[in-house]
N, C-alpha and C. Protein backbone atom coordinates (compact mmCIF):
# COMPACT_ATOMS: atom_id res chain seq x y z
N UNK A 1 0.85 -1.20 0.00
CA UNK A 1 0.00 0.00 0.00
C UNK A 1 0.88 1.24 0.00
N UNK A 2 0.57 2.19 -0.88
CA UNK A 2 1.32 3.44 -0.91
C UNK A 2 0.41 4.60 -0.58
N UNK A 3 0.99 5.71 -0.13
CA UNK A 3 0.19 6.88 0.18
C UNK A 3 0.98 8.11 -0.21
N UNK A 4 0.34 9.04 -0.88
CA UNK A 4 1.02 10.27 -1.27
C UNK A 4 0.06 11.43 -1.15
N UNK A 5 0.60 12.63 -1.00
CA UNK A 5 -0.21 13.84 -0.90
C UNK A 5 0.23 14.81 -1.98
N UNK A 6 -0.72 15.32 -2.75
CA UNK A 6 -0.44 16.23 -3.84
C UNK A 6 -1.25 17.50 -3.64
N UNK A 7 -0.61 18.64 -3.75
CA UNK A 7 -1.31 19.92 -3.71
C UNK A 7 -1.15 20.59 -5.05
N UNK A 8 -2.27 20.92 -5.71
CA UNK A 8 -2.20 21.54 -7.03
C UNK A 8 -3.19 22.67 -7.11
N UNK A 9 -2.97 23.58 -8.06
CA UNK A 9 -3.86 24.71 -8.27
C UNK A 9 -4.33 24.69 -9.71
N UNK A 10 -5.64 24.76 -9.92
CA UNK A 10 -6.22 24.80 -11.26
C UNK A 10 -7.14 26.00 -11.33
N UNK A 11 -7.06 26.74 -12.40
CA UNK A 11 -7.90 27.91 -12.59
C UNK A 11 -9.05 27.56 -13.52
N UNK A 12 -10.28 27.79 -13.09
CA UNK A 12 -11.46 27.54 -13.91
C UNK A 12 -12.27 28.83 -13.97
N UNK A 13 -12.43 29.39 -15.15
CA UNK A 13 -13.12 30.66 -15.29
C UNK A 13 -14.51 30.46 -15.87
N UNK A 14 -15.51 31.10 -15.24
CA UNK A 14 -16.88 31.06 -15.73
C UNK A 14 -17.47 32.45 -15.62
N UNK A 15 -18.39 32.78 -16.51
CA UNK A 15 -19.16 34.00 -16.37
C UNK A 15 -20.19 33.75 -15.28
N UNK A 16 -20.25 34.62 -14.27
CA UNK A 16 -21.09 34.36 -13.12
C UNK A 16 -22.03 35.51 -12.87
N UNK A 17 -23.05 35.25 -12.06
CA UNK A 17 -24.09 36.23 -11.74
C UNK A 17 -23.79 36.84 -10.38
N UNK A 18 -23.77 38.17 -10.28
CA UNK A 18 -23.39 38.86 -9.06
C UNK A 18 -24.58 39.59 -8.45
N UNK A 19 -24.77 39.45 -7.13
CA UNK A 19 -25.80 40.18 -6.40
C UNK A 19 -25.15 40.84 -5.20
N UNK A 20 -25.10 42.18 -5.18
CA UNK A 20 -24.56 42.95 -4.07
C UNK A 20 -23.20 42.42 -3.65
N UNK A 21 -22.32 42.23 -4.61
CA UNK A 21 -20.97 41.79 -4.31
C UNK A 21 -20.80 40.30 -4.22
N UNK A 22 -21.90 39.56 -4.02
CA UNK A 22 -21.82 38.12 -3.93
C UNK A 22 -21.90 37.52 -5.33
N UNK A 23 -21.29 36.35 -5.51
CA UNK A 23 -21.24 35.70 -6.81
C UNK A 23 -21.95 34.35 -6.73
N UNK A 24 -22.82 34.09 -7.67
CA UNK A 24 -23.54 32.81 -7.72
C UNK A 24 -23.30 32.16 -9.07
N UNK A 25 -22.94 30.90 -9.05
CA UNK A 25 -22.71 30.14 -10.28
C UNK A 25 -23.94 29.29 -10.57
N UNK A 26 -24.51 29.49 -11.76
CA UNK A 26 -25.71 28.76 -12.19
C UNK A 26 -25.35 27.75 -13.27
N UNK A 27 -26.26 26.80 -13.50
CA UNK A 27 -26.04 25.82 -14.57
C UNK A 27 -25.88 26.52 -15.91
N UNK A 28 -26.60 27.62 -16.12
CA UNK A 28 -26.52 28.33 -17.39
C UNK A 28 -25.15 28.95 -17.63
N UNK A 29 -24.32 29.06 -16.58
CA UNK A 29 -22.97 29.60 -16.73
C UNK A 29 -22.00 28.56 -17.28
N UNK A 30 -22.40 27.29 -17.28
CA UNK A 30 -21.52 26.22 -17.70
C UNK A 30 -21.94 25.69 -19.06
N UNK A 31 -21.00 25.12 -19.81
CA UNK A 31 -21.35 24.56 -21.13
C UNK A 31 -22.30 23.39 -20.96
N UNK A 32 -23.41 23.41 -21.66
CA UNK A 32 -24.37 22.32 -21.54
C UNK A 32 -25.05 22.00 -22.86
N UNK A 33 -24.65 22.66 -23.94
CA UNK A 33 -25.28 22.45 -25.22
C UNK A 33 -24.31 21.74 -26.18
N UNK A 34 -24.79 20.75 -26.92
CA UNK A 34 -23.96 20.14 -27.95
C UNK A 34 -23.46 21.19 -28.94
N UNK A 35 -22.21 21.08 -29.34
CA UNK A 35 -21.63 22.04 -30.27
C UNK A 35 -20.77 23.09 -29.61
N UNK A 36 -20.80 23.15 -28.27
CA UNK A 36 -19.97 24.11 -27.54
C UNK A 36 -18.52 23.63 -27.54
N UNK A 37 -17.59 24.52 -27.88
CA UNK A 37 -16.16 24.23 -27.81
C UNK A 37 -15.47 25.29 -26.97
N UNK A 38 -14.61 24.87 -26.07
CA UNK A 38 -13.88 25.79 -25.20
C UNK A 38 -12.40 25.63 -25.47
N UNK A 39 -11.74 26.71 -25.82
CA UNK A 39 -10.29 26.70 -25.99
C UNK A 39 -9.65 26.87 -24.61
N UNK A 40 -8.72 25.97 -24.27
CA UNK A 40 -8.11 25.99 -22.95
C UNK A 40 -6.60 26.19 -23.07
N UNK A 41 -6.08 27.13 -22.29
CA UNK A 41 -4.65 27.35 -22.21
C UNK A 41 -4.16 26.85 -20.87
N UNK A 42 -3.27 25.88 -20.88
CA UNK A 42 -2.75 25.30 -19.65
C UNK A 42 -1.39 25.92 -19.37
N UNK A 43 -1.23 26.42 -18.15
CA UNK A 43 0.02 27.08 -17.78
C UNK A 43 0.62 26.49 -16.54
N UNK A 44 1.84 26.92 -16.24
CA UNK A 44 2.54 26.41 -15.08
C UNK A 44 3.32 27.54 -14.43
N UNK A 45 3.20 27.65 -13.13
CA UNK A 45 3.95 28.64 -12.37
C UNK A 45 3.90 28.24 -10.91
N UNK A 46 4.76 28.80 -10.11
CA UNK A 46 4.76 28.54 -8.67
C UNK A 46 4.20 29.75 -7.95
N UNK A 47 3.14 29.53 -7.16
CA UNK A 47 2.52 30.63 -6.44
C UNK A 47 1.74 30.07 -5.27
N UNK A 48 1.47 30.93 -4.29
CA UNK A 48 0.67 30.53 -3.14
C UNK A 48 -0.81 30.54 -3.50
N UNK A 49 -1.58 29.67 -2.86
CA UNK A 49 -3.01 29.61 -3.12
C UNK A 49 -3.71 30.86 -2.64
N UNK A 50 -3.15 31.51 -1.61
CA UNK A 50 -3.77 32.73 -1.08
C UNK A 50 -4.83 32.40 -0.06
N UNK A 51 -5.30 33.42 0.67
CA UNK A 51 -6.28 33.18 1.73
C UNK A 51 -7.68 32.93 1.21
N UNK A 52 -8.52 32.34 2.06
CA UNK A 52 -9.94 32.22 1.77
C UNK A 52 -10.63 33.52 2.16
N UNK A 53 -11.89 33.68 1.71
CA UNK A 53 -12.66 34.85 2.11
C UNK A 53 -13.23 35.62 0.94
N UNK A 54 -13.76 36.80 1.24
CA UNK A 54 -14.44 37.63 0.25
C UNK A 54 -13.50 38.67 -0.36
N UNK A 55 -13.87 39.13 -1.56
CA UNK A 55 -13.15 40.20 -2.25
C UNK A 55 -11.66 39.89 -2.43
N UNK A 56 -11.34 38.66 -2.78
CA UNK A 56 -9.95 38.29 -3.03
C UNK A 56 -9.55 38.70 -4.45
N UNK A 57 -8.25 38.87 -4.65
CA UNK A 57 -7.71 39.24 -5.96
C UNK A 57 -6.64 38.22 -6.33
N UNK A 58 -6.81 37.57 -7.48
CA UNK A 58 -5.84 36.59 -7.96
C UNK A 58 -5.29 37.05 -9.30
N UNK A 59 -3.98 37.04 -9.44
CA UNK A 59 -3.33 37.49 -10.67
C UNK A 59 -2.53 36.34 -11.27
N UNK A 60 -3.06 35.76 -12.35
CA UNK A 60 -2.39 34.68 -13.06
C UNK A 60 -1.91 35.14 -14.44
N UNK A 61 -1.75 36.44 -14.60
CA UNK A 61 -1.41 36.98 -15.91
C UNK A 61 0.00 36.63 -16.36
N UNK A 62 0.87 36.22 -15.42
CA UNK A 62 2.25 35.91 -15.78
C UNK A 62 2.51 34.41 -15.92
N UNK A 63 1.44 33.60 -15.83
CA UNK A 63 1.63 32.16 -15.96
C UNK A 63 2.12 31.82 -17.36
N UNK A 64 3.12 30.99 -17.45
CA UNK A 64 3.70 30.60 -18.73
C UNK A 64 2.87 29.50 -19.38
N UNK A 65 2.50 29.70 -20.63
CA UNK A 65 1.70 28.71 -21.35
C UNK A 65 2.52 27.47 -21.64
N UNK A 66 1.97 26.32 -21.25
CA UNK A 66 2.63 25.04 -21.51
C UNK A 66 1.97 24.31 -22.68
N UNK A 67 0.64 24.41 -22.75
CA UNK A 67 -0.08 23.66 -23.77
C UNK A 67 -1.44 24.31 -24.02
N UNK A 68 -1.91 24.24 -25.23
CA UNK A 68 -3.26 24.70 -25.58
C UNK A 68 -4.06 23.52 -26.11
N UNK A 69 -5.32 23.43 -25.68
CA UNK A 69 -6.16 22.32 -26.12
C UNK A 69 -7.60 22.80 -26.22
N UNK A 70 -8.50 21.90 -26.59
CA UNK A 70 -9.91 22.23 -26.71
C UNK A 70 -10.75 21.24 -25.90
N UNK A 71 -11.85 21.74 -25.36
CA UNK A 71 -12.84 20.92 -24.65
C UNK A 71 -14.11 20.97 -25.47
N UNK A 72 -14.55 19.82 -25.95
CA UNK A 72 -15.67 19.75 -26.89
C UNK A 72 -16.86 19.07 -26.22
N UNK A 73 -18.05 19.70 -26.30
CA UNK A 73 -19.29 19.14 -25.77
C UNK A 73 -20.19 18.77 -26.94
N UNK A 74 -20.79 17.57 -26.89
CA UNK A 74 -21.52 17.08 -28.06
C UNK A 74 -22.63 16.12 -27.62
N UNK A 75 -23.48 15.75 -28.59
CA UNK A 75 -24.44 14.68 -28.38
C UNK A 75 -23.69 13.36 -28.25
N UNK A 76 -24.14 12.44 -27.40
CA UNK A 76 -23.41 11.19 -27.19
C UNK A 76 -23.38 10.26 -28.41
N UNK A 77 -24.41 10.31 -29.24
CA UNK A 77 -24.54 9.34 -30.33
C UNK A 77 -23.30 9.33 -31.22
N UNK A 78 -22.81 8.11 -31.48
CA UNK A 78 -21.69 7.94 -32.39
C UNK A 78 -20.33 8.00 -31.74
N UNK A 79 -20.26 8.33 -30.46
CA UNK A 79 -18.97 8.40 -29.78
C UNK A 79 -18.67 7.07 -29.08
N UNK A 80 -17.40 6.74 -28.88
CA UNK A 80 -17.03 5.44 -28.31
C UNK A 80 -17.69 5.17 -26.95
N UNK A 81 -18.32 4.02 -26.84
CA UNK A 81 -18.92 3.61 -25.58
C UNK A 81 -20.26 4.23 -25.27
N UNK A 82 -20.82 5.02 -26.17
CA UNK A 82 -22.08 5.72 -25.90
C UNK A 82 -23.21 4.76 -25.58
N UNK A 83 -23.20 3.57 -26.20
CA UNK A 83 -24.26 2.60 -25.96
C UNK A 83 -24.32 2.10 -24.53
N UNK A 84 -23.20 2.23 -23.80
CA UNK A 84 -23.17 1.80 -22.41
C UNK A 84 -23.92 2.78 -21.51
N UNK A 85 -24.13 4.00 -22.00
CA UNK A 85 -24.77 5.05 -21.20
C UNK A 85 -26.01 5.56 -21.94
N UNK A 86 -27.07 4.75 -22.01
CA UNK A 86 -28.24 5.12 -22.82
C UNK A 86 -28.98 6.35 -22.30
N UNK A 87 -28.83 6.71 -21.02
CA UNK A 87 -29.52 7.89 -20.49
C UNK A 87 -28.69 9.17 -20.62
N UNK A 88 -27.50 9.07 -21.17
CA UNK A 88 -26.65 10.24 -21.33
C UNK A 88 -27.22 11.20 -22.36
N UNK A 89 -27.16 12.50 -22.06
CA UNK A 89 -27.59 13.50 -23.03
C UNK A 89 -26.47 14.47 -23.39
N UNK A 90 -25.23 14.18 -22.93
CA UNK A 90 -24.12 15.07 -23.21
C UNK A 90 -22.81 14.32 -23.00
N UNK A 91 -21.85 14.56 -23.89
CA UNK A 91 -20.52 13.98 -23.75
C UNK A 91 -19.49 15.08 -23.90
N UNK A 92 -18.41 14.97 -23.14
CA UNK A 92 -17.31 15.94 -23.21
C UNK A 92 -16.02 15.20 -23.55
N UNK A 93 -15.24 15.76 -24.48
CA UNK A 93 -13.97 15.14 -24.85
C UNK A 93 -13.03 16.21 -25.39
N UNK A 94 -11.76 15.85 -25.50
CA UNK A 94 -10.74 16.71 -26.10
C UNK A 94 -10.08 15.96 -27.23
N UNK A 95 -9.40 16.65 -28.16
CA UNK A 95 -8.70 15.95 -29.24
C UNK A 95 -7.68 14.97 -28.69
N UNK A 96 -7.49 13.88 -29.41
CA UNK A 96 -6.55 12.85 -28.97
C UNK A 96 -5.13 13.40 -28.87
N UNK A 97 -4.41 12.94 -27.85
CA UNK A 97 -3.01 13.33 -27.66
C UNK A 97 -2.18 12.08 -27.45
N UNK A 98 -1.17 11.90 -28.28
CA UNK A 98 -0.27 10.76 -28.21
C UNK A 98 -1.05 9.43 -28.18
N UNK A 99 -2.08 9.35 -29.01
CA UNK A 99 -2.85 8.12 -29.13
C UNK A 99 -3.87 7.88 -28.05
N UNK A 100 -4.06 8.86 -27.13
CA UNK A 100 -5.01 8.67 -26.02
C UNK A 100 -6.12 9.72 -26.09
N UNK A 101 -7.34 9.28 -25.79
CA UNK A 101 -8.48 10.18 -25.78
C UNK A 101 -9.51 9.69 -24.76
N UNK A 102 -10.16 10.61 -24.07
CA UNK A 102 -11.16 10.24 -23.07
C UNK A 102 -12.48 10.94 -23.36
N UNK A 103 -13.58 10.19 -23.26
CA UNK A 103 -14.92 10.70 -23.44
C UNK A 103 -15.67 10.53 -22.13
N UNK A 104 -16.21 11.64 -21.58
CA UNK A 104 -16.93 11.61 -20.31
C UNK A 104 -18.41 11.86 -20.58
N UNK A 105 -19.27 10.95 -20.10
CA UNK A 105 -20.71 11.01 -20.38
C UNK A 105 -21.48 11.52 -19.17
N UNK A 106 -22.44 12.44 -19.44
CA UNK A 106 -23.24 13.08 -18.39
C UNK A 106 -24.72 12.91 -18.66
N UNK A 107 -25.50 13.05 -17.57
CA UNK A 107 -26.95 13.15 -17.68
C UNK A 107 -27.40 14.36 -16.87
N UNK A 108 -28.29 15.16 -17.45
CA UNK A 108 -28.82 16.33 -16.76
C UNK A 108 -30.04 15.92 -15.94
N UNK A 109 -29.94 16.06 -14.60
CA UNK A 109 -31.01 15.71 -13.69
C UNK A 109 -31.14 16.79 -12.62
N UNK A 110 -32.37 17.24 -12.37
CA UNK A 110 -32.63 18.20 -11.30
C UNK A 110 -31.70 19.42 -11.38
N UNK A 111 -31.52 19.92 -12.60
CA UNK A 111 -30.73 21.13 -12.84
C UNK A 111 -29.25 20.95 -12.52
N UNK A 112 -28.78 19.69 -12.48
CA UNK A 112 -27.37 19.42 -12.25
C UNK A 112 -26.90 18.32 -13.20
N UNK A 113 -25.61 18.35 -13.53
CA UNK A 113 -25.03 17.32 -14.39
C UNK A 113 -24.47 16.18 -13.55
N UNK A 114 -24.84 14.95 -13.91
CA UNK A 114 -24.38 13.76 -13.21
C UNK A 114 -23.44 12.98 -14.13
N UNK A 115 -22.31 12.54 -13.59
CA UNK A 115 -21.37 11.73 -14.36
C UNK A 115 -21.87 10.28 -14.42
N UNK A 116 -21.96 9.74 -15.63
CA UNK A 116 -22.38 8.35 -15.82
C UNK A 116 -21.19 7.42 -16.00
N UNK A 117 -20.10 7.94 -16.51
CA UNK A 117 -18.92 7.13 -16.76
C UNK A 117 -18.10 7.68 -17.90
N UNK A 118 -17.08 6.94 -18.28
CA UNK A 118 -16.13 7.40 -19.30
C UNK A 118 -15.76 6.27 -20.23
N UNK A 119 -15.25 6.65 -21.39
CA UNK A 119 -14.61 5.70 -22.31
C UNK A 119 -13.21 6.21 -22.60
N UNK A 120 -12.22 5.35 -22.37
CA UNK A 120 -10.83 5.69 -22.64
C UNK A 120 -10.40 4.99 -23.92
N UNK A 121 -9.86 5.73 -24.86
CA UNK A 121 -9.41 5.17 -26.13
C UNK A 121 -7.90 5.31 -26.21
N UNK A 122 -7.21 4.17 -26.24
CA UNK A 122 -5.75 4.16 -26.31
C UNK A 122 -5.31 3.44 -27.57
N UNK A 123 -4.71 4.20 -28.48
CA UNK A 123 -4.25 3.65 -29.76
C UNK A 123 -5.37 2.90 -30.49
N UNK A 124 -6.56 3.50 -30.44
CA UNK A 124 -7.70 2.95 -31.17
C UNK A 124 -8.52 1.92 -30.42
N UNK A 125 -8.08 1.51 -29.23
CA UNK A 125 -8.79 0.50 -28.46
C UNK A 125 -9.58 1.15 -27.33
N UNK A 126 -10.93 1.05 -27.35
CA UNK A 126 -11.74 1.69 -26.30
C UNK A 126 -11.89 0.81 -25.06
N UNK A 127 -11.88 1.44 -23.90
CA UNK A 127 -12.18 0.78 -22.63
C UNK A 127 -13.27 1.58 -21.93
N UNK A 128 -14.41 0.93 -21.68
CA UNK A 128 -15.55 1.61 -21.05
C UNK A 128 -15.44 1.48 -19.54
N UNK A 129 -15.65 2.59 -18.83
CA UNK A 129 -15.53 2.61 -17.37
C UNK A 129 -16.77 3.24 -16.76
N UNK A 130 -17.81 2.45 -16.46
CA UNK A 130 -19.02 2.99 -15.83
C UNK A 130 -18.71 3.51 -14.43
N UNK A 131 -19.47 4.52 -14.01
CA UNK A 131 -19.26 5.13 -12.69
C UNK A 131 -20.52 5.05 -11.86
N UNK A 132 -20.35 4.91 -10.54
CA UNK A 132 -21.44 5.00 -9.58
C UNK A 132 -21.14 6.18 -8.67
N UNK A 133 -22.14 7.06 -8.47
CA UNK A 133 -21.92 8.26 -7.67
C UNK A 133 -23.06 8.45 -6.68
N UNK A 134 -22.83 9.36 -5.71
CA UNK A 134 -23.88 9.69 -4.75
C UNK A 134 -24.67 10.92 -5.17
N UNK A 135 -24.42 11.42 -6.38
CA UNK A 135 -25.11 12.61 -6.86
C UNK A 135 -24.22 13.37 -7.82
N UNK A 136 -24.55 14.63 -8.12
CA UNK A 136 -23.72 15.42 -9.05
C UNK A 136 -22.39 15.77 -8.42
N UNK A 137 -21.34 15.81 -9.25
CA UNK A 137 -20.04 16.21 -8.71
C UNK A 137 -19.97 17.71 -8.50
N UNK A 138 -20.86 18.46 -9.18
CA UNK A 138 -20.88 19.90 -9.06
C UNK A 138 -22.31 20.33 -8.78
N UNK A 139 -22.59 20.76 -7.53
CA UNK A 139 -23.94 21.12 -7.12
C UNK A 139 -24.22 22.58 -7.48
N UNK A 140 -25.29 22.80 -8.25
CA UNK A 140 -25.65 24.15 -8.70
C UNK A 140 -27.09 24.48 -8.33
N UNK A 141 -27.41 25.75 -8.05
CA UNK A 141 -26.45 26.87 -8.01
C UNK A 141 -25.54 26.78 -6.78
N UNK A 142 -24.38 27.42 -6.85
CA UNK A 142 -23.49 27.45 -5.70
C UNK A 142 -22.95 28.86 -5.52
N UNK A 143 -22.62 29.18 -4.29
CA UNK A 143 -22.12 30.51 -3.96
C UNK A 143 -21.15 30.39 -2.79
N UNK A 144 -20.53 31.49 -2.43
CA UNK A 144 -19.54 31.52 -1.35
C UNK A 144 -20.13 30.95 -0.06
N UNK A 145 -19.39 30.02 0.56
CA UNK A 145 -19.83 29.39 1.80
C UNK A 145 -20.48 28.04 1.61
N UNK A 146 -20.84 27.68 0.36
CA UNK A 146 -21.45 26.39 0.11
C UNK A 146 -20.42 25.27 0.20
N UNK A 147 -20.89 24.06 0.52
CA UNK A 147 -20.02 22.88 0.54
C UNK A 147 -20.87 21.64 0.29
N UNK A 148 -20.23 20.60 -0.24
CA UNK A 148 -20.93 19.33 -0.47
C UNK A 148 -19.89 18.23 -0.64
N UNK A 149 -20.36 16.98 -0.53
CA UNK A 149 -19.50 15.81 -0.67
C UNK A 149 -19.88 15.04 -1.92
N UNK A 150 -18.85 14.52 -2.59
CA UNK A 150 -19.06 13.74 -3.82
C UNK A 150 -18.25 12.46 -3.71
N UNK A 151 -18.93 11.33 -3.93
CA UNK A 151 -18.28 10.02 -3.87
C UNK A 151 -18.52 9.32 -5.20
N UNK A 152 -17.45 8.76 -5.76
CA UNK A 152 -17.57 8.09 -7.06
C UNK A 152 -16.68 6.85 -7.07
N UNK A 153 -17.22 5.76 -7.62
CA UNK A 153 -16.42 4.56 -7.89
C UNK A 153 -16.47 4.28 -9.38
N UNK A 154 -15.32 3.96 -9.96
CA UNK A 154 -15.21 3.72 -11.40
C UNK A 154 -14.65 2.32 -11.63
N UNK A 155 -15.39 1.50 -12.36
CA UNK A 155 -14.98 0.14 -12.68
C UNK A 155 -14.03 0.16 -13.87
N UNK A 156 -12.75 -0.13 -13.62
CA UNK A 156 -11.74 -0.12 -14.68
C UNK A 156 -11.44 -1.52 -15.20
N UNK A 157 -12.28 -2.49 -14.82
CA UNK A 157 -12.03 -3.87 -15.25
C UNK A 157 -11.24 -4.62 -14.20
N UNK A 158 -9.91 -4.58 -14.31
CA UNK A 158 -9.06 -5.27 -13.34
C UNK A 158 -8.96 -4.53 -12.02
N UNK A 159 -9.23 -3.23 -12.02
CA UNK A 159 -9.17 -2.44 -10.79
C UNK A 159 -10.43 -1.57 -10.67
N UNK A 160 -10.67 -1.09 -9.47
CA UNK A 160 -11.77 -0.15 -9.21
C UNK A 160 -11.21 1.05 -8.49
N UNK A 161 -11.51 2.25 -9.01
CA UNK A 161 -11.05 3.50 -8.38
C UNK A 161 -12.18 4.10 -7.55
N UNK A 162 -11.85 4.49 -6.32
CA UNK A 162 -12.80 5.16 -5.44
C UNK A 162 -12.31 6.57 -5.16
N UNK A 163 -13.18 7.56 -5.39
CA UNK A 163 -12.85 8.95 -5.09
C UNK A 163 -13.86 9.50 -4.10
N UNK A 164 -13.36 10.15 -3.06
CA UNK A 164 -14.21 10.86 -2.11
C UNK A 164 -13.71 12.29 -2.03
N UNK A 165 -14.57 13.26 -2.40
CA UNK A 165 -14.14 14.66 -2.49
C UNK A 165 -15.07 15.55 -1.68
N UNK A 166 -14.48 16.44 -0.90
CA UNK A 166 -15.20 17.48 -0.20
C UNK A 166 -15.00 18.79 -0.95
N UNK A 167 -16.10 19.38 -1.46
CA UNK A 167 -16.06 20.65 -2.18
C UNK A 167 -16.41 21.77 -1.20
N UNK A 168 -15.59 22.83 -1.17
CA UNK A 168 -15.87 23.99 -0.33
C UNK A 168 -15.64 25.26 -1.14
N UNK A 169 -16.70 26.07 -1.31
CA UNK A 169 -16.56 27.37 -1.98
C UNK A 169 -15.99 28.33 -0.94
N UNK A 170 -14.67 28.48 -0.94
CA UNK A 170 -14.01 29.15 0.19
C UNK A 170 -13.61 30.60 -0.08
N UNK A 171 -13.82 31.09 -1.32
CA UNK A 171 -13.44 32.47 -1.62
C UNK A 171 -14.16 32.96 -2.86
N UNK A 172 -14.28 34.29 -2.98
CA UNK A 172 -14.76 34.90 -4.22
C UNK A 172 -14.03 36.22 -4.42
N UNK A 173 -13.95 36.66 -5.68
CA UNK A 173 -13.26 37.91 -5.98
C UNK A 173 -13.06 38.06 -7.46
N UNK A 174 -11.90 38.56 -7.86
CA UNK A 174 -11.58 38.74 -9.28
C UNK A 174 -10.28 38.03 -9.61
N UNK A 175 -10.23 37.45 -10.78
CA UNK A 175 -9.03 36.77 -11.24
C UNK A 175 -8.60 37.39 -12.56
N UNK A 176 -7.30 37.66 -12.69
CA UNK A 176 -6.75 38.25 -13.91
C UNK A 176 -5.88 37.23 -14.63
N UNK A 177 -6.14 37.05 -15.92
CA UNK A 177 -5.31 36.19 -16.77
C UNK A 177 -4.87 37.02 -17.97
N UNK A 178 -4.16 36.39 -18.88
CA UNK A 178 -3.74 37.08 -20.09
C UNK A 178 -4.93 37.46 -20.97
N UNK A 179 -6.12 36.92 -20.67
CA UNK A 179 -7.31 37.21 -21.47
C UNK A 179 -8.21 38.27 -20.84
N UNK A 180 -7.87 38.75 -19.65
CA UNK A 180 -8.68 39.78 -19.02
C UNK A 180 -8.92 39.50 -17.55
N UNK A 181 -9.79 40.31 -16.94
CA UNK A 181 -10.14 40.16 -15.53
C UNK A 181 -11.59 39.73 -15.42
N UNK A 182 -11.84 38.74 -14.56
CA UNK A 182 -13.17 38.13 -14.45
C UNK A 182 -13.56 37.99 -12.98
N UNK A 183 -14.87 38.11 -12.70
CA UNK A 183 -15.38 37.75 -11.39
C UNK A 183 -15.33 36.23 -11.26
N UNK A 184 -15.00 35.75 -10.07
CA UNK A 184 -14.74 34.32 -9.94
C UNK A 184 -15.05 33.81 -8.55
N UNK A 185 -15.50 32.56 -8.49
CA UNK A 185 -15.57 31.80 -7.25
C UNK A 185 -14.35 30.90 -7.19
N UNK A 186 -13.83 30.66 -5.97
CA UNK A 186 -12.77 29.67 -5.80
C UNK A 186 -13.31 28.50 -5.00
N UNK A 187 -13.08 27.30 -5.50
CA UNK A 187 -13.57 26.09 -4.84
C UNK A 187 -12.37 25.24 -4.44
N UNK A 188 -12.33 24.86 -3.17
CA UNK A 188 -11.27 23.99 -2.65
C UNK A 188 -11.80 22.55 -2.66
N UNK A 189 -11.03 21.65 -3.29
CA UNK A 189 -11.39 20.24 -3.36
C UNK A 189 -10.40 19.44 -2.53
N UNK A 190 -10.90 18.72 -1.53
CA UNK A 190 -10.10 17.81 -0.74
C UNK A 190 -10.48 16.39 -1.15
N UNK A 191 -9.58 15.73 -1.87
CA UNK A 191 -9.90 14.44 -2.48
C UNK A 191 -9.02 13.32 -1.95
N UNK A 192 -9.66 12.20 -1.65
CA UNK A 192 -8.93 10.97 -1.33
C UNK A 192 -9.29 9.93 -2.38
N UNK A 193 -8.27 9.37 -3.02
CA UNK A 193 -8.46 8.37 -4.06
C UNK A 193 -7.85 7.05 -3.62
N UNK A 194 -8.61 5.97 -3.81
CA UNK A 194 -8.09 4.63 -3.49
C UNK A 194 -8.31 3.72 -4.68
N UNK A 195 -7.30 2.93 -5.00
CA UNK A 195 -7.40 1.97 -6.09
C UNK A 195 -7.36 0.56 -5.52
N UNK A 196 -8.39 -0.23 -5.84
CA UNK A 196 -8.46 -1.62 -5.38
C UNK A 196 -8.31 -2.56 -6.57
N UNK A 197 -7.68 -3.73 -6.41
CA UNK A 197 -7.29 -4.36 -5.14
C UNK A 197 -5.94 -3.92 -4.59
N UNK A 198 -5.20 -3.05 -5.27
CA UNK A 198 -3.85 -2.70 -4.81
C UNK A 198 -3.87 -1.99 -3.46
N UNK A 199 -4.90 -1.19 -3.21
CA UNK A 199 -4.98 -0.45 -1.96
C UNK A 199 -4.15 0.81 -1.93
N UNK A 200 -3.64 1.25 -3.10
CA UNK A 200 -2.85 2.48 -3.14
C UNK A 200 -3.77 3.68 -2.94
N UNK A 201 -3.37 4.58 -2.03
CA UNK A 201 -4.19 5.73 -1.66
C UNK A 201 -3.44 7.03 -1.91
N UNK A 202 -4.15 8.03 -2.45
CA UNK A 202 -3.57 9.35 -2.68
C UNK A 202 -4.53 10.40 -2.14
N UNK A 203 -3.99 11.37 -1.43
CA UNK A 203 -4.77 12.52 -0.94
C UNK A 203 -4.26 13.77 -1.60
N UNK A 204 -5.15 14.61 -2.14
CA UNK A 204 -4.70 15.82 -2.82
C UNK A 204 -5.66 16.97 -2.55
N UNK A 205 -5.13 18.17 -2.63
CA UNK A 205 -5.90 19.41 -2.49
C UNK A 205 -5.80 20.16 -3.81
N UNK A 206 -6.95 20.51 -4.37
CA UNK A 206 -7.00 21.24 -5.64
C UNK A 206 -7.86 22.48 -5.46
N UNK A 207 -7.40 23.60 -6.03
CA UNK A 207 -8.22 24.82 -6.04
C UNK A 207 -8.73 25.04 -7.45
N UNK A 208 -10.03 25.29 -7.57
CA UNK A 208 -10.65 25.47 -8.88
C UNK A 208 -11.40 26.79 -8.91
């Protein structure tokens, strides 16, 4: 059994609705229609996560670009493994990189997106990985001070991955990137991942 701890920072920008200084993220702020494409710039830099709280200011304008990619949302029909998820009404994927591609299938229920599972394609060979969850991984609407728990198990065939994540909306403010300044919520994710039967466990903290 192994155990490791990883702390990482990820920036996720959304157009959000503001009321008297407070920020609320709605389902309509997130991509949910087939045909939506999001260009993503991935960068790397060393910086502190900063404090939690209201009216925070984050400046990521000097982050060095490492890679650019696209996030594509589409109808599930015709994509690898879609038949395994007959209730799915949305799939998300990115262009293949080095022979690998992943398709994530969702179902819209009660104004929230639920993960049904994924299909991993490696050098043309698909592997379907159904998921079991306790609800949506992202509860909407959400605002500063909200928190929720998300548990997911993914059947990988020879192994099963278990993820338990605590989501905490711990800050709001403005974030500056090379593309401009945006109002933003910050969400802290405390995740524990276990892979069975090996029993290898990883704990990580991610800011989104």
